[in-house]
Amino acid sequence: MALLNVRLTEDDARLVRTLRARGIVISDLVRRAIRAAAASASPPGDSDAILTEMIAQIPLPPRRQIRSANRREAREEILTKLRKKR
């Protein structure tokens, strides 16, 4: 089990003391809060469908064909592309 240390402000520390005095176990409270936040943060549904939809909205740019049989032509193509990025 992992240990998590959290720095508290004076107001938060006062609230923790009050909750402990009432018999509330702080670690249980923190675990429930983490689970609730995680449940509300992740949307329900099929992640594959969501990713497919996202990829469809942002099409990839067309790729340039480099003929690997001609190394000089491939070199020039690569150097041309690199020069454009600078």
C-alpha atoms as a PDB file:
ATOM      1  CA  MET A   1       0.000   0.000   0.000  1.00  0.00           C
ATOM      2  CA  ALA A   2       1.345   3.415  -0.951  1.00  0.00           C
ATOM      3  CA  LEU A   3       1.810   6.206   1.545  1.00  0.00           C
ATOM      4  CA  LEU A   4       0.705   9.721   0.626  1.00  0.00           C
ATOM      5  CA  ASN A   5       1.848  12.780   2.550  1.00  0.00           C
ATOM      6  CA  VAL A   6      -0.119  16.000   2.161  1.00  0.00           C
ATOM      7  CA  ARG A   7       0.751  19.454   3.429  1.00  0.00           C
ATOM      8  CA  LEU A   8      -2.206  21.113   5.122  1.00  0.00           C
ATOM      9  CA  THR A   9      -2.920  24.738   5.790  1.00  0.00           C
ATOM     10  CA  GLU A  10      -3.673  25.719   9.376  1.00  0.00           C
ATOM     11  CA  ASP A  11      -7.393  25.786   8.564  1.00  0.00           C
ATOM     12  CA  ASP A  12      -7.262  22.284   7.051  1.00  0.00           C
ATOM     13  CA  ALA A  13      -5.285  20.966  10.024  1.00  0.00           C
ATOM     14  CA  ARG A  14      -7.913  22.431  12.354  1.00  0.00           C
ATOM     15  CA  LEU A  15     -10.662  20.703  10.364  1.00  0.00           C
ATOM     16  CA  VAL A  16      -8.771  17.397  10.552  1.00  0.00           C
ATOM     17  CA  ARG A  17      -8.502  17.709  14.329  1.00  0.00           C
ATOM     18  CA  THR A  18     -12.235  18.404  14.529  1.00  0.00           C
ATOM     19  CA  LEU A  19     -13.074  15.396  12.351  1.00  0.00           C
ATOM     20  CA  ARG A  20     -10.804  13.097  14.349  1.00  0.00           C
ATOM     21  CA  ALA A  21     -12.426  14.317  17.568  1.00  0.00           C
ATOM     22  CA  ARG A  22     -15.781  13.283  16.099  1.00  0.00           C
ATOM     23  CA  GLY A  23     -14.405   9.794  15.411  1.00  0.00           C
ATOM     24  CA  ILE A  24     -13.985  10.088  11.652  1.00  0.00           C
ATOM     25  CA  VAL A  25     -11.007   8.149  10.267  1.00  0.00           C
ATOM     26  CA  ILE A  26      -9.168  10.575   7.977  1.00  0.00           C
ATOM     27  CA  SER A  27      -7.561   7.879   5.816  1.00  0.00           C
ATOM     28  CA  ASP A  28     -11.006   6.422   5.014  1.00  0.00           C
ATOM     29  CA  LEU A  29     -12.264   9.900   4.181  1.00  0.00           C
ATOM     30  CA  VAL A  30      -9.319  10.518   1.831  1.00  0.00           C
ATOM     31  CA  ARG A  31      -9.753   7.124   0.115  1.00  0.00           C
ATOM     32  CA  ARG A  32     -13.446   7.825  -0.523  1.00  0.00           C
ATOM     33  CA  ALA A  33     -12.657  11.297  -1.862  1.00  0.00           C
ATOM     34  CA  ILE A  34     -10.001   9.901  -4.229  1.00  0.00           C
ATOM     35  CA  ARG A  35     -12.372   7.215  -5.521  1.00  0.00           C
ATOM     36  CA  ALA A  36     -15.183   9.730  -6.022  1.00  0.00           C
ATOM     37  CA  ALA A  37     -12.898  12.129  -7.903  1.00  0.00           C
ATOM     38  CA  ALA A  38     -11.558   9.320 -10.096  1.00  0.00           C
ATOM     39  CA  ALA A  39     -15.058   8.069 -10.886  1.00  0.00           C
ATOM     40  CA  SER A  40     -16.251  11.502 -11.949  1.00  0.00           C
ATOM     41  CA  ALA A  41     -13.080  12.323 -13.903  1.00  0.00           C
ATOM     42  CA  SER A  42     -13.157   9.352 -16.277  1.00  0.00           C
ATOM     43  CA  PRO A  43     -16.047   9.416 -18.727  1.00  0.00           C
ATOM     44  CA  PRO A  44     -17.975   6.179 -19.028  1.00  0.00           C
ATOM     45  CA  GLY A  45     -17.958   4.469 -22.386  1.00  0.00           C
ATOM     46  CA  ASP A  46     -15.834   2.637 -24.860  1.00  0.00           C
ATOM     47  CA  SER A  47     -12.345   4.150 -24.966  1.00  0.00           C
ATOM     48  CA  ASP A  48     -11.653   2.640 -28.414  1.00  0.00           C
ATOM     49  CA  ALA A  49     -14.695   4.417 -29.848  1.00  0.00           C
ATOM     50  CA  ILE A  50     -13.676   7.696 -28.240  1.00  0.00           C
ATOM     51  CA  LEU A  51     -10.132   7.453 -29.637  1.00  0.00           C
ATOM     52  CA  THR A  52     -11.408   6.526 -33.101  1.00  0.00           C
ATOM     53  CA  GLU A  53     -13.684   9.561 -33.084  1.00  0.00           C
ATOM     54  CA  MET A  54     -10.845  11.842 -31.961  1.00  0.00           C
ATOM     55  CA  ILE A  55      -8.501  10.549 -34.660  1.00  0.00           C
ATOM     56  CA  ALA A  56     -11.191  11.005 -37.317  1.00  0.00           C
ATOM     57  CA  GLN A  57     -11.549  14.674 -36.354  1.00  0.00           C
ATOM     58  CA  ILE A  58      -7.834  15.347 -36.828  1.00  0.00           C
ATOM     59  CA  PRO A  59      -6.691  13.759 -40.093  1.00  0.00           C
ATOM     60  CA  LEU A  60      -3.015  13.018 -40.585  1.00  0.00           C
ATOM     61  CA  PRO A  61      -1.138  15.027 -43.213  1.00  0.00           C
ATOM     62  CA  PRO A  62      -0.332  13.155 -46.424  1.00  0.00           C
ATOM     63  CA  ARG A  63       2.996  11.345 -46.304  1.00  0.00           C
ATOM     64  CA  ARG A  64       5.591  11.890 -48.975  1.00  0.00           C
ATOM     65  CA  GLN A  65       6.826   8.813 -50.731  1.00  0.00           C
ATOM     66  CA  ILE A  66      10.572   8.326 -50.698  1.00  0.00           C
ATOM     67  CA  ARG A  67      11.992   5.765 -53.029  1.00  0.00           C
ATOM     68  CA  SER A  68      14.348   3.797 -50.849  1.00  0.00           C
ATOM     69  CA  ALA A  69      16.022   2.167 -53.867  1.00  0.00           C
ATOM     70  CA  ASN A  70      17.646   5.466 -54.829  1.00  0.00           C
ATOM     71  CA  ARG A  71      19.634   6.605 -51.795  1.00  0.00           C
ATOM     72  CA  ARG A  72      20.717   9.928 -53.315  1.00  0.00           C
ATOM     73  CA  GLU A  73      17.124  10.882 -54.041  1.00  0.00           C
ATOM     74  CA  ALA A  74      16.097   9.808 -50.544  1.00  0.00           C
ATOM     75  CA  ARG A  75      18.927  11.902 -49.050  1.00  0.00           C
ATOM     76  CA  GLU A  76      17.863  14.998 -50.991  1.00  0.00           C
ATOM     77  CA  GLU A  77      14.237  14.508 -50.010  1.00  0.00           C
ATOM     78  CA  ILE A  78      15.148  14.219 -46.325  1.00  0.00           C
ATOM     79  CA  LEU A  79      17.485  17.236 -46.424  1.00  0.00           C
ATOM     80  CA  THR A  80      14.830  19.306 -48.171  1.00  0.00           C
ATOM     81  CA  LYS A  81      12.305  18.417 -45.508  1.00  0.00           C
ATOM     82  CA  LEU A  82      14.761  19.243 -42.701  1.00  0.00           C
ATOM     83  CA  ARG A  83      15.644  22.611 -44.242  1.00  0.00           C
ATOM     84  CA  LYS A  84      11.948  23.583 -44.375  1.00  0.00           C
ATOM     85  CA  LYS A  85      11.552  22.973 -40.631  1.00  0.00           C
ATOM     86  CA  ARG A  86      14.356  25.366 -39.676  1.00  0.00           C
END
